[in-house]
């Protein structure tokens, strides 16, 4: 089933803490069982890859409950109910949410932050849109924004590549492979062969000074899918060079027949389509430049340990 949003987890977290002091893992295990989450669900991670989605949302649920004075953390890694939290459970609300917690002045202050100098009604934040309460956490919002910017950048890169002359595209492909760490220390570790190449080979990457290990490259700036015949011809060119490694990069895509053929032959041929090409360019800084960086910081629990 879909992983619940952090507001849907507030009441289950509060109920779990009614059993006494609970560690973070105990709550995670209990709620995973309550929501019948699969191993695949529990393994799902935020796009950053640094934390699982379920763990992140439980942490945000606890943060808001703590801001409202319903739970407290007496020791590192442990949470328990406050008197207010027990009273809320006795009232047996059908659901807890940002709207429900806003009845508590401490929670209003929690949401407004330390810069608030006068009493005022809660303003709409990224959690609330069009009169309804948004289910995403700040982490979700950051990740969604990053994803949108990255998707737009991928589309723009592909548009720019489509306007490049073939020779410039071949150079781009070689530059990318070098940026990814392929090639040796010598100055000519990456070469564009182009029209003078042998049987359609557009570039080569020398992984050592003597050229004993060489990656052969074919680059196709096409608008239609690359089929099996093109991969077969590239495989033949590699055999003619007695080569074991090849990379076939296209601005379009590969047919299933092409992918199946490349996966079954003895020679290693890696296929890179247009979307993956743009992704790799972003990840390795080819044709893109940083515009703005944000540093997200969290509390250092070890610093605040009292002996």
Protein backbone atom coordinates (compact mmCIF):
# COMPACT_ATOMS: atom_id res chain seq x y z
CA UNK A 1 0.00 0.00 0.00
CA UNK A 2 1.13 3.63 -0.41
CA UNK A 3 3.23 5.01 2.44
CA UNK A 4 1.00 7.27 4.59
CA UNK A 5 1.73 10.99 4.64
CA UNK A 6 3.17 12.41 7.84
CA UNK A 7 -0.16 13.82 9.07
CA UNK A 8 -1.84 10.43 8.73
CA UNK A 9 0.95 9.07 10.94
CA UNK A 10 0.44 11.56 13.77
CA UNK A 11 -2.37 9.72 15.56
CA UNK A 12 -0.82 6.24 15.12
CA UNK A 13 2.46 7.59 16.54
CA UNK A 14 0.60 9.05 19.52
CA UNK A 15 -1.22 5.76 20.12
CA UNK A 16 2.02 3.81 19.89
CA UNK A 17 3.57 6.03 22.58
CA UNK A 18 0.66 5.24 24.90
CA UNK A 19 2.52 2.00 25.65
CA UNK A 20 5.30 3.96 27.38
CA UNK A 21 8.72 5.20 26.31
CA UNK A 22 9.46 3.96 22.82
CA UNK A 23 12.57 4.04 20.68
CA UNK A 24 12.37 5.25 17.12
CA UNK A 25 12.81 1.75 15.75
CA UNK A 26 10.08 0.34 17.98
CA UNK A 27 7.63 2.89 16.61
CA UNK A 28 8.73 2.27 13.04
CA UNK A 29 8.26 -1.49 13.44
CA UNK A 30 4.85 -1.12 15.09
CA UNK A 31 3.49 1.29 12.49
CA UNK A 32 4.91 -0.71 9.59
CA UNK A 33 2.91 -3.66 10.89
CA UNK A 34 -0.20 -1.54 11.48
CA UNK A 35 -0.17 -0.22 7.91
CA UNK A 36 0.84 -3.62 6.47
CA UNK A 37 3.81 -2.14 4.63
CA UNK A 38 5.88 -4.53 2.54
CA UNK A 39 9.66 -4.83 2.56
CA UNK A 40 9.63 -2.93 -0.72
CA UNK A 41 7.58 -0.13 0.87
CA UNK A 42 9.97 0.10 3.82
CA UNK A 43 13.00 0.18 1.50
CA UNK A 44 11.65 3.11 -0.51
CA UNK A 45 13.99 6.07 -0.10
CA UNK A 46 13.80 9.78 -0.64
CA UNK A 47 15.30 10.87 -3.98
CA UNK A 48 18.40 11.99 -2.10
CA UNK A 49 18.87 8.36 -1.03
CA UNK A 50 19.92 9.34 2.48
CA UNK A 51 16.81 8.22 4.37
CA UNK A 52 13.84 5.94 3.86
CA UNK A 53 10.55 7.71 3.13
CA UNK A 54 8.66 5.97 5.95
CA UNK A 55 11.29 6.83 8.57
CA UNK A 56 11.39 10.42 7.37
CA UNK A 57 7.62 10.86 7.64
CA UNK A 58 7.48 9.35 11.11
CA UNK A 59 10.22 11.77 12.17
CA UNK A 60 8.20 14.71 10.87
CA UNK A 61 5.07 13.44 12.60
CA UNK A 62 6.99 13.32 15.90
CA UNK A 63 8.41 16.78 15.29
CA UNK A 64 4.94 18.31 14.92
CA UNK A 65 3.56 16.38 17.89
CA UNK A 66 6.46 17.59 19.98
CA UNK A 67 5.91 21.16 18.77
CA UNK A 68 2.31 20.91 19.98
CA UNK A 69 3.40 19.60 23.38
CA UNK A 70 1.84 16.15 22.92
CA UNK A 71 5.09 14.19 23.12
CA UNK A 72 8.52 14.73 24.61
CA UNK A 73 11.96 13.17 24.37
CA UNK A 74 13.38 12.53 27.85
CA UNK A 75 16.52 10.88 26.51
CA UNK A 76 18.22 10.58 23.17
CA UNK A 77 16.28 8.36 20.78
CA UNK A 78 13.32 7.86 23.14
CA UNK A 79 9.86 9.46 23.05
CA UNK A 80 6.89 9.40 25.42
CA UNK A 81 3.49 11.06 25.85
CA UNK A 82 2.99 14.24 27.84
CA UNK A 83 -0.10 14.88 29.95
CA UNK A 84 -1.52 16.82 27.00
CA UNK A 85 -0.84 13.90 24.69
CA UNK A 86 -2.69 11.51 27.01
CA UNK A 87 -5.61 13.95 27.21
CA UNK A 88 -5.81 14.14 23.42
CA UNK A 89 -5.93 10.34 23.21
CA UNK A 90 -8.74 10.27 25.78
CA UNK A 91 -10.72 12.65 23.55
CA UNK A 92 -10.34 10.00 20.81
CA UNK A 93 -10.13 12.27 17.74
CA UNK A 94 -10.62 10.50 14.39
CA UNK A 95 -7.45 12.07 13.00
CA UNK A 96 -4.66 14.46 13.96
CA UNK A 97 -3.50 17.10 11.52
CA UNK A 98 -1.88 20.51 11.30
CA UNK A 99 -5.34 22.05 11.65
CA UNK A 100 -6.06 20.09 14.83
CA UNK A 101 -2.69 20.91 16.41
CA UNK A 102 -3.14 24.62 15.65
CA UNK A 103 -5.45 24.91 18.70
CA UNK A 104 -2.35 24.83 20.89
CA UNK A 105 -0.46 28.16 21.23
CA UNK A 106 2.89 26.32 21.46
CA UNK A 107 2.25 24.76 18.07
CA UNK A 108 1.39 28.12 16.50
CA UNK A 109 4.70 29.46 17.82
CA UNK A 110 6.47 26.32 16.60
CA UNK A 111 5.22 26.90 13.07
CA UNK A 112 5.88 30.63 13.02
CA UNK A 113 9.45 30.13 14.17
CA UNK A 114 11.63 32.21 16.48
CA UNK A 115 11.31 35.37 14.34
CA UNK A 116 7.68 35.92 15.34
CA UNK A 117 7.54 38.90 17.74
CA UNK A 118 3.82 39.37 18.09
CA UNK A 119 0.77 37.16 18.38
CA UNK A 120 -0.87 36.48 15.06
CA UNK A 121 -2.94 33.82 13.40
CA UNK A 122 -1.09 31.06 11.58
CA UNK A 123 -0.21 32.07 8.05
CA UNK A 124 -0.43 29.68 5.19
CA UNK A 125 2.77 27.76 4.66
CA UNK A 126 3.97 25.23 2.14
CA UNK A 127 1.86 22.70 4.05
CA UNK A 128 -1.41 24.42 3.15
CA UNK A 129 -2.72 25.14 -0.33
CA UNK A 130 -6.11 26.31 -1.60
CA UNK A 131 -7.72 25.91 1.82
CA UNK A 132 -6.73 22.26 2.16
CA UNK A 133 -3.87 20.87 4.22
CA UNK A 134 -0.97 19.68 2.12
CA UNK A 135 0.26 16.21 3.06
CA UNK A 136 3.92 16.64 2.14
CA UNK A 137 6.77 17.26 4.58
CA UNK A 138 9.40 19.96 3.99
CA UNK A 139 11.73 17.18 2.83
CA UNK A 140 9.09 16.08 0.32
CA UNK A 141 8.68 19.65 -0.91
CA UNK A 142 12.43 20.13 -1.33
CA UNK A 143 12.77 16.83 -3.17
CA UNK A 144 9.75 17.61 -5.38
CA UNK A 145 11.20 21.01 -6.25
CA UNK A 146 14.57 19.48 -7.06
CA UNK A 147 12.91 16.83 -9.21
CA UNK A 148 10.98 19.46 -11.16
CA UNK A 149 14.09 21.55 -11.77
CA UNK A 150 16.05 18.46 -12.84
CA UNK A 151 13.28 17.32 -15.20
CA UNK A 152 13.17 20.74 -16.82
CA UNK A 153 16.97 20.76 -17.15
CA UNK A 154 16.96 17.31 -18.77
CA UNK A 155 14.44 18.51 -21.35
CA UNK A 156 16.52 21.61 -22.08
CA UNK A 157 19.73 19.59 -22.44
CA UNK A 158 18.06 17.27 -24.93
CA UNK A 159 16.79 20.24 -26.93
CA UNK A 160 20.28 21.76 -27.05
CA UNK A 161 21.87 18.47 -28.08
CA UNK A 162 19.36 18.12 -30.93
CA UNK A 163 20.71 21.38 -32.40
CA UNK A 164 24.38 20.36 -32.20
CA UNK A 165 26.28 19.34 -35.35
CA UNK A 166 27.31 15.65 -35.37
CA UNK A 167 30.98 16.42 -34.72
CA UNK A 168 30.15 18.48 -31.63
CA UNK A 169 27.91 15.70 -30.33
CA UNK A 170 30.69 13.16 -30.77
CA UNK A 171 33.01 15.43 -28.76
CA UNK A 172 30.35 15.78 -26.07
CA UNK A 173 30.13 12.01 -25.71
CA UNK A 174 33.90 11.67 -25.32
CA UNK A 175 34.00 14.57 -22.83
CA UNK A 176 31.29 12.88 -20.77
CA UNK A 177 33.06 9.54 -20.59
CA UNK A 178 36.25 11.27 -19.48
CA UNK A 179 34.31 13.24 -16.86
CA UNK A 180 32.89 9.93 -15.58
CA UNK A 181 36.42 8.72 -14.88
CA UNK A 182 37.10 6.60 -17.94
CA UNK A 183 40.44 7.02 -19.67
CA UNK A 184 44.04 7.10 -18.44
CA UNK A 185 46.30 10.00 -17.41
CA UNK A 186 47.66 10.64 -20.91
CA UNK A 187 46.53 13.72 -22.83
CA UNK A 188 45.10 11.70 -25.73
CA UNK A 189 43.08 9.37 -23.50
CA UNK A 190 39.89 10.50 -25.24
CA UNK A 191 39.76 10.91 -29.01
CA UNK A 192 37.01 11.80 -31.46
CA UNK A 193 37.42 9.68 -34.58
CA UNK A 194 34.40 10.90 -36.51
CA UNK A 195 34.06 10.38 -40.24
CA UNK A 196 37.58 9.07 -40.49
CA UNK A 197 36.75 6.24 -38.11
CA UNK A 198 36.61 2.56 -38.90
CA UNK A 199 33.13 1.16 -39.64
CA UNK A 200 31.20 3.87 -37.83
CA UNK A 201 33.28 4.13 -34.65
CA UNK A 202 33.05 7.78 -33.58
CA UNK A 203 35.41 7.90 -30.62
CA UNK A 204 37.68 5.93 -28.36
CA UNK A 205 38.80 6.10 -24.77
CA UNK A 206 42.28 4.78 -23.92
CA UNK A 207 42.28 3.41 -20.39
CA UNK A 208 46.06 3.00 -20.25
CA UNK A 209 49.10 4.58 -21.91
CA UNK A 210 49.71 1.69 -24.32
CA UNK A 211 46.09 1.44 -25.41
CA UNK A 212 45.82 -2.16 -24.23
CA UNK A 213 42.37 -1.41 -22.85
CA UNK A 214 40.28 0.77 -25.12
CA UNK A 215 36.59 1.64 -25.05
CA UNK A 216 35.10 2.25 -28.49
CA UNK A 217 32.24 4.70 -28.82
CA UNK A 218 29.45 5.19 -31.31
CA UNK A 219 27.29 8.31 -31.04
CA UNK A 220 23.99 8.67 -32.92
CA UNK A 221 22.14 11.98 -32.84
CA UNK A 222 18.88 10.46 -34.03
CA UNK A 223 15.21 11.28 -33.56
CA UNK A 224 13.96 7.72 -34.05
CA UNK A 225 14.75 4.55 -32.13
CA UNK A 226 17.99 2.64 -32.65
CA UNK A 227 17.25 -0.95 -33.66
CA UNK A 228 19.08 -4.24 -33.57
CA UNK A 229 20.79 -3.82 -36.99
CA UNK A 230 22.69 -0.74 -35.76
CA UNK A 231 23.87 -2.60 -32.66
CA UNK A 232 24.91 -5.59 -34.80
CA UNK A 233 26.99 -3.34 -37.06
CA UNK A 234 28.65 -1.75 -34.01
CA UNK A 235 29.38 -5.21 -32.59
CA UNK A 236 30.98 -6.15 -35.90
CA UNK A 237 33.13 -3.02 -35.81
CA UNK A 238 34.29 -3.95 -32.30
CA UNK A 239 35.21 -7.44 -33.45
CA UNK A 240 37.20 -5.89 -36.29
CA UNK A 241 39.18 -3.96 -33.69
CA UNK A 242 39.47 -7.02 -31.43
CA UNK A 243 37.78 -4.85 -28.83
CA UNK A 244 35.90 -6.10 -25.79
CA UNK A 245 34.15 -2.91 -24.70
CA UNK A 246 31.85 -0.52 -26.47
CA UNK A 247 29.42 2.27 -25.63
CA UNK A 248 26.56 3.13 -27.96
CA UNK A 249 25.02 6.51 -27.13
CA UNK A 250 21.99 7.99 -28.84
CA UNK A 251 19.85 11.07 -28.35
CA UNK A 252 16.72 8.96 -28.93
CA UNK A 253 16.03 5.46 -27.56
CA UNK A 254 16.68 1.77 -28.23
CA UNK A 255 14.18 -0.81 -29.37
CA UNK A 256 13.60 -3.91 -27.23
CA UNK A 257 15.29 -6.00 -29.92
CA UNK A 258 18.39 -3.80 -29.71
CA UNK A 259 18.49 -4.05 -25.92
CA UNK A 260 18.00 -7.82 -25.99
CA UNK A 261 20.76 -8.30 -28.56
CA UNK A 262 23.25 -6.16 -26.62
CA UNK A 263 22.51 -8.14 -23.46
CA UNK A 264 23.16 -11.55 -25.03
CA UNK A 265 26.35 -11.10 -27.07
CA UNK A 266 29.78 -11.83 -25.64
CA UNK A 267 31.17 -8.36 -26.33
CA UNK A 268 30.20 -5.80 -23.70
CA UNK A 269 28.12 -3.04 -25.27
CA UNK A 270 26.57 -0.48 -22.98
CA UNK A 271 23.52 1.35 -24.35
CA UNK A 272 22.84 4.94 -23.27
CA UNK A 273 19.66 6.63 -24.47
CA UNK A 274 18.86 10.34 -24.61
CA UNK A 275 17.29 10.60 -21.16
CA UNK A 276 20.15 8.76 -19.48
CA UNK A 277 22.67 10.85 -21.42
CA UNK A 278 21.17 14.05 -20.03
CA UNK A 279 21.10 12.57 -16.51
CA UNK A 280 24.79 11.65 -16.74
CA UNK A 281 25.69 15.11 -18.03
CA UNK A 282 24.00 16.69 -15.00
CA UNK A 283 25.57 14.27 -12.53
CA UNK A 284 29.08 14.74 -13.91
CA UNK A 285 28.96 18.47 -14.70
CA UNK A 286 29.18 18.35 -18.50
CA UNK A 287 27.37 21.20 -20.24
CA UNK A 288 25.82 22.44 -16.98
CA UNK A 289 26.94 24.78 -14.22
CA UNK A 290 25.81 25.16 -10.58
CA UNK A 291 23.47 28.09 -9.96
CA UNK A 292 22.55 27.88 -6.29
CA UNK A 293 23.28 25.53 -3.41
CA UNK A 294 21.39 24.96 -0.16
CA UNK A 295 22.92 23.36 2.91
CA UNK A 296 20.33 21.58 5.06
CA UNK A 297 21.43 21.06 8.65
CA UNK A 298 20.03 18.84 11.41
CA UNK A 299 20.66 18.75 15.14
CA UNK A 300 23.84 17.01 16.32
CA UNK A 301 22.45 14.82 19.11
CA UNK A 302 25.92 13.80 20.31
CA UNK A 303 26.76 17.44 21.07
CA UNK A 304 23.89 17.75 23.51
CA UNK A 305 24.51 14.55 25.50
CA UNK A 306 24.69 15.39 29.18
CA UNK A 307 27.16 13.30 31.17
